[in-house]
Amino acid sequence: MGLNWAEHTVEIDAPIETCFAAIIDYETFPTWQGAIVDVEVLDWDSKGRGKKVRLFVDAKVRKVDYTLDYSYDEPTRIEWDFVEGNGINGADGHYLFEDLDGDRTRATYKLGLEVSIPLPGPVARRAHRTTLKGSVEDLKREAERRAASSRQASNGDRAKDRSREDTLAEKVGIKRQEPRVAPPPSEPEGRAPQDGQGSLVELPVKMAGRAAGLGFGLARRTVGVGLEVAGAVTGRLRGLARDRF
């Protein structure tokens, strides 16, 4: 029959090292890989990574298990050789990780399987693609969860370090200096403020000046009216005197 191949790629909001660490953390697979029922690490390499691993998988049509012999090019590539299996006659493929900008990673999972279960070709291919895609999406969620937890822990450590520094400074009588805030720029000397502008110091002076102007104008108008009335009275008295004499 030969190998039935499938491939799936996702972009993950996590550093490449976090993605690699998650996908080789085989013993945790049953807690976050939906298709993995159980895992047995049978052998380890010199760096403590799983070398020979048996995976028990819910392959949609039935449960199968197979043993793989892993090799690593950390943190960009994982490959394996098929050792033996129940319900599986062969397995080949790889995981590739590409480091993107901004602590992002592109992950590609390519897997070829040859099953010993008599199934129609379309059914076997559909089950294989569905299981493989689900595995990559599970990795995306787990790696992003680990990255978020790491960032929170880092922020907490920085806050603790600052608190310890403050406590030590207080004990030795040193006061931490607060960041200095630059004063707002002042108006150049001799520059007249624009309409509607002016400082709070200038405002009372302006208001007093305006009031004085209004008072002076009112006084001028009052004097003018008084002169007009006086002139009229004087003219009337002169007319009466001419009439009598």
Protein backbone atom coordinates (compact mmCIF):
# COMPACT_ATOMS: atom_id res chain seq x y z
CA MET A 1 0.00 0.00 0.00
CA GLY A 2 2.82 2.43 0.86
CA LEU A 3 2.88 5.51 3.06
CA ASN A 4 -0.08 7.89 3.15
CA TRP A 5 1.37 11.41 3.46
CA ALA A 6 -0.11 14.53 5.05
CA GLU A 7 1.33 17.91 5.99
CA HIS A 8 0.16 20.93 7.99
CA THR A 9 1.76 24.31 8.83
CA VAL A 10 0.86 26.93 11.45
CA GLU A 11 2.39 30.12 12.83
CA ILE A 12 2.79 30.18 16.59
CA ASP A 13 3.07 33.20 18.91
CA ALA A 14 5.95 31.69 20.85
CA PRO A 15 9.75 31.52 20.53
CA ILE A 16 11.23 28.63 18.57
CA GLU A 17 12.87 27.22 21.72
CA THR A 18 9.47 27.05 23.45
CA CYS A 19 7.91 25.20 20.51
CA PHE A 20 10.77 22.71 20.33
CA ALA A 21 10.68 22.09 24.08
CA ALA A 22 6.94 21.40 23.95
CA ILE A 23 7.05 18.89 21.09
CA ILE A 24 9.79 16.79 22.74
CA ASP A 25 8.07 16.82 26.14
CA TYR A 26 6.54 13.44 25.29
CA GLU A 27 5.37 12.45 28.75
CA THR A 28 3.03 15.47 28.88
CA PHE A 29 1.39 14.67 25.50
CA PRO A 30 -1.73 13.03 26.99
CA THR A 31 -2.55 16.32 28.80
CA TRP A 32 -2.56 18.54 25.69
CA GLN A 33 -2.31 16.39 22.54
CA GLY A 34 -5.90 15.42 21.80
CA ALA A 35 -5.06 12.27 19.79
CA ILE A 36 -2.46 10.88 22.22
CA VAL A 37 -3.87 8.44 24.75
CA ASP A 38 -0.60 7.46 26.43
CA VAL A 39 3.19 7.71 25.98
CA GLU A 40 6.10 5.55 27.11
CA VAL A 41 9.66 6.87 26.81
CA LEU A 42 11.72 3.70 26.41
CA ASP A 43 15.16 5.27 26.00
CA TRP A 44 16.89 8.66 26.31
CA ASP A 45 19.75 10.32 24.43
CA SER A 46 22.85 11.89 26.01
CA LYS A 47 21.04 15.25 26.44
CA GLY A 48 18.08 13.73 28.28
CA ARG A 49 15.72 13.87 25.29
CA GLY A 50 13.44 11.00 24.37
CA LYS A 51 15.27 8.64 22.00
CA LYS A 52 12.92 5.71 21.64
CA VAL A 53 9.27 6.52 22.33
CA ARG A 54 6.06 4.49 22.09
CA LEU A 55 2.94 6.49 21.24
CA PHE A 56 -0.63 5.28 21.81
CA VAL A 57 -2.88 7.17 19.39
CA ASP A 58 -6.61 7.52 18.85
CA ALA A 59 -6.56 7.48 15.03
CA LYS A 60 -10.33 8.18 14.67
CA VAL A 61 -11.05 4.79 13.10
CA ARG A 62 -9.37 2.80 15.90
CA LYS A 63 -6.64 3.09 18.52
CA VAL A 64 -3.12 2.21 17.39
CA ASP A 65 0.36 2.35 18.88
CA TYR A 66 3.82 2.55 17.38
CA THR A 67 7.40 3.08 18.48
CA LEU A 68 9.68 5.70 16.92
CA ASP A 69 13.42 6.29 17.20
CA TYR A 70 13.98 10.07 17.30
CA SER A 71 16.91 12.24 16.21
CA TYR A 72 17.24 16.01 16.67
CA ASP A 73 18.74 19.09 15.09
CA GLU A 74 17.75 21.43 17.91
CA PRO A 75 15.79 23.68 17.72
CA THR A 76 14.81 23.47 14.04
CA ARG A 77 14.22 19.83 13.11
CA ILE A 78 13.00 16.53 14.55
CA GLU A 79 13.09 13.26 12.58
CA TRP A 80 12.28 9.64 13.41
CA ASP A 81 12.68 6.06 12.21
CA PHE A 82 9.86 3.56 12.54
CA VAL A 83 10.67 0.69 14.92
CA GLU A 84 7.45 -1.31 15.31
CA GLY A 85 3.70 -0.85 15.65
CA ASN A 86 0.27 -2.35 16.24
CA GLY A 87 -2.13 -1.28 13.51
CA ILE A 88 0.75 0.65 11.86
CA ASN A 89 3.17 -0.90 9.35
CA GLY A 90 5.32 2.18 8.80
CA ALA A 91 5.81 5.82 9.77
CA ASP A 92 8.14 8.48 8.43
CA GLY A 93 8.33 12.27 8.49
CA HIS A 94 9.64 15.25 10.40
CA TYR A 95 8.83 18.40 12.37
CA LEU A 96 10.35 21.65 11.10
CA PHE A 97 10.52 24.94 13.03
CA GLU A 98 11.34 28.29 11.42
CA ASP A 99 12.25 31.27 13.62
CA LEU A 100 10.19 34.35 12.69
CA ASP A 101 10.53 37.93 13.92
CA GLY A 102 8.99 38.99 17.21
CA ASP A 103 9.22 35.64 19.07
CA ARG A 104 7.07 33.88 16.48
CA THR A 105 7.62 30.43 14.95
CA ARG A 106 6.41 28.64 11.84
CA ALA A 107 5.87 24.93 12.52
CA THR A 108 5.42 22.28 9.81
CA TYR A 109 4.52 18.68 10.57
CA LYS A 110 4.89 16.15 7.76
CA LEU A 111 3.96 12.54 8.44
CA GLY A 112 3.61 9.45 6.30
CA LEU A 113 1.76 6.44 7.72
CA GLU A 114 1.04 2.97 6.44
CA VAL A 115 -1.78 1.36 8.36
CA SER A 116 -2.41 -2.38 8.57
CA ILE A 117 -6.14 -1.85 9.04
CA PRO A 118 -8.17 -2.59 5.91
CA LEU A 119 -9.78 0.78 5.19
CA PRO A 120 -10.90 2.49 1.99
CA GLY A 121 -8.23 4.90 0.77
CA PRO A 122 -10.33 8.10 1.13
CA VAL A 123 -11.32 7.20 4.69
CA ALA A 124 -7.73 6.46 5.72
CA ARG A 125 -6.42 9.68 4.14
CA ARG A 126 -9.15 11.82 5.73
CA ALA A 127 -8.53 10.33 9.18
CA HIS A 128 -4.79 10.82 8.77
CA ARG A 129 -5.10 14.49 7.73
CA THR A 130 -7.55 15.24 10.54
CA THR A 131 -5.33 13.65 13.20
CA LEU A 132 -2.18 15.38 11.91
CA LYS A 133 -3.81 18.82 11.71
CA GLY A 134 -5.22 18.43 15.21
CA SER A 135 -1.73 17.54 16.50
CA VAL A 136 -0.20 20.75 15.07
CA GLU A 137 -3.03 22.94 16.36
CA ASP A 138 -2.61 21.35 19.80
CA LEU A 139 1.10 22.22 19.68
CA LYS A 140 0.24 25.85 18.82
CA ARG A 141 -2.04 26.18 21.86
CA GLU A 142 0.43 24.52 24.21
CA ALA A 143 3.47 26.52 23.04
CA GLU A 144 1.55 29.82 23.28
CA ARG A 145 0.35 28.86 26.76
CA ARG A 146 3.93 28.15 27.85
CA ALA A 147 5.18 31.41 26.32
CA ALA A 148 2.48 33.43 28.14
CA SER A 149 3.30 31.73 31.45
CA SER A 150 6.99 32.45 30.92
CA ARG A 151 6.32 36.15 30.28
CA GLN A 152 4.14 36.41 33.39
CA ALA A 153 6.82 34.73 35.50
CA SER A 154 9.46 37.08 34.09
CA ASN A 155 7.35 40.14 34.92
CA GLY A 156 6.78 38.81 38.43
CA ASP A 157 10.52 38.25 38.93
CA ARG A 158 11.28 41.83 37.86
CA ALA A 159 8.68 43.15 40.31
CA LYS A 160 10.20 41.04 43.12
CA ASP A 161 13.71 42.26 42.26
CA ARG A 162 12.56 45.88 42.42
CA SER A 163 10.81 45.27 45.73
CA ARG A 164 13.99 43.73 47.18
CA GLU A 165 16.03 46.70 45.93
CA ASP A 166 13.58 49.13 47.56
CA THR A 167 13.71 47.23 50.85
CA LEU A 168 17.52 47.17 50.86
CA ALA A 169 17.72 50.86 49.98
CA GLU A 170 15.34 51.70 52.82
CA LYS A 171 17.44 49.73 55.30
CA VAL A 172 20.63 51.59 54.41
CA GLY A 173 18.85 54.95 54.29
CA ILE A 174 18.92 55.47 50.53
CA LYS A 175 15.83 56.89 48.93
CA ARG A 176 15.16 55.78 45.38
CA GLN A 177 14.94 58.77 43.09
CA GLU A 178 11.72 59.08 41.16
CA PRO A 179 11.99 59.85 37.44
CA ARG A 180 12.23 63.59 36.79
CA VAL A 181 9.50 65.17 34.72
CA ALA A 182 10.62 68.00 32.45
CA PRO A 183 8.76 71.31 33.04
CA PRO A 184 6.53 72.62 30.25
CA PRO A 185 8.26 75.01 27.82
CA SER A 186 7.90 78.72 28.74
CA GLU A 187 6.83 81.45 26.36
CA PRO A 188 9.78 83.43 24.89
CA GLU A 189 10.23 86.91 26.36
CA GLY A 190 8.57 89.71 24.44
CA ARG A 191 6.19 87.38 22.66
CA ALA A 192 2.58 88.45 22.90
CA PRO A 193 0.11 85.66 23.63
CA GLN A 194 -2.37 84.74 20.94
CA ASP A 195 -6.06 85.56 21.21
CA GLY A 196 -7.74 83.66 23.99
CA GLN A 197 -4.35 82.81 25.59
CA GLY A 198 -2.49 84.17 28.60
CA SER A 199 -1.36 83.00 32.01
CA LEU A 200 -3.47 83.07 35.17
CA VAL A 201 -1.23 85.89 36.40
CA GLU A 202 -1.95 88.00 33.34
CA LEU A 203 -5.71 87.43 33.42
CA PRO A 204 -6.58 89.68 36.43
CA VAL A 205 -4.45 92.48 34.96
CA LYS A 206 -6.28 92.24 31.66
CA MET A 207 -9.66 92.19 33.38
CA ALA A 208 -8.72 95.26 35.46
CA GLY A 209 -7.55 97.08 32.37
CA ARG A 210 -10.76 96.32 30.57
CA ALA A 211 -12.82 97.49 33.56
CA ALA A 212 -10.81 100.72 33.77
CA GLY A 213 -11.39 101.35 30.09
CA LEU A 214 -15.11 100.80 30.50
CA GLY A 215 -15.18 103.15 33.52
CA PHE A 216 -13.24 105.88 31.71
CA GLY A 217 -15.58 105.73 28.71
CA LEU A 218 -18.61 105.83 30.96
CA ALA A 219 -17.25 108.89 32.78
CA ARG A 220 -16.60 110.66 29.48
CA ARG A 221 -20.15 109.95 28.31
CA THR A 222 -21.58 111.24 31.65
CA VAL A 223 -19.59 114.52 31.46
CA GLY A 224 -20.73 115.03 27.89
CA VAL A 225 -24.39 114.63 28.84
CA GLY A 226 -23.97 117.04 31.76
CA LEU A 227 -22.42 119.74 29.52
CA GLU A 228 -25.26 119.40 27.03
CA VAL A 229 -27.87 119.86 29.82
CA ALA A 230 -26.01 122.86 31.27
CA GLY A 231 -25.82 124.52 27.86
CA ALA A 232 -29.51 124.09 27.28
CA VAL A 233 -30.41 125.62 30.67
CA THR A 234 -28.12 128.61 30.09
CA GLY A 235 -29.68 129.29 26.68
CA ARG A 236 -33.17 129.17 28.16
CA LEU A 237 -32.30 131.69 30.91
CA ARG A 238 -30.85 134.13 28.37
CA GLY A 239 -34.08 134.00 26.32
CA LEU A 240 -36.22 134.74 29.37
CA ALA A 241 -34.05 137.77 30.25
CA ARG A 242 -34.47 139.28 26.80
CA ASP A 243 -38.24 138.88 26.99
CA ARG A 244 -38.49 140.74 30.34
CA PHE A 245 -36.35 143.72 29.33
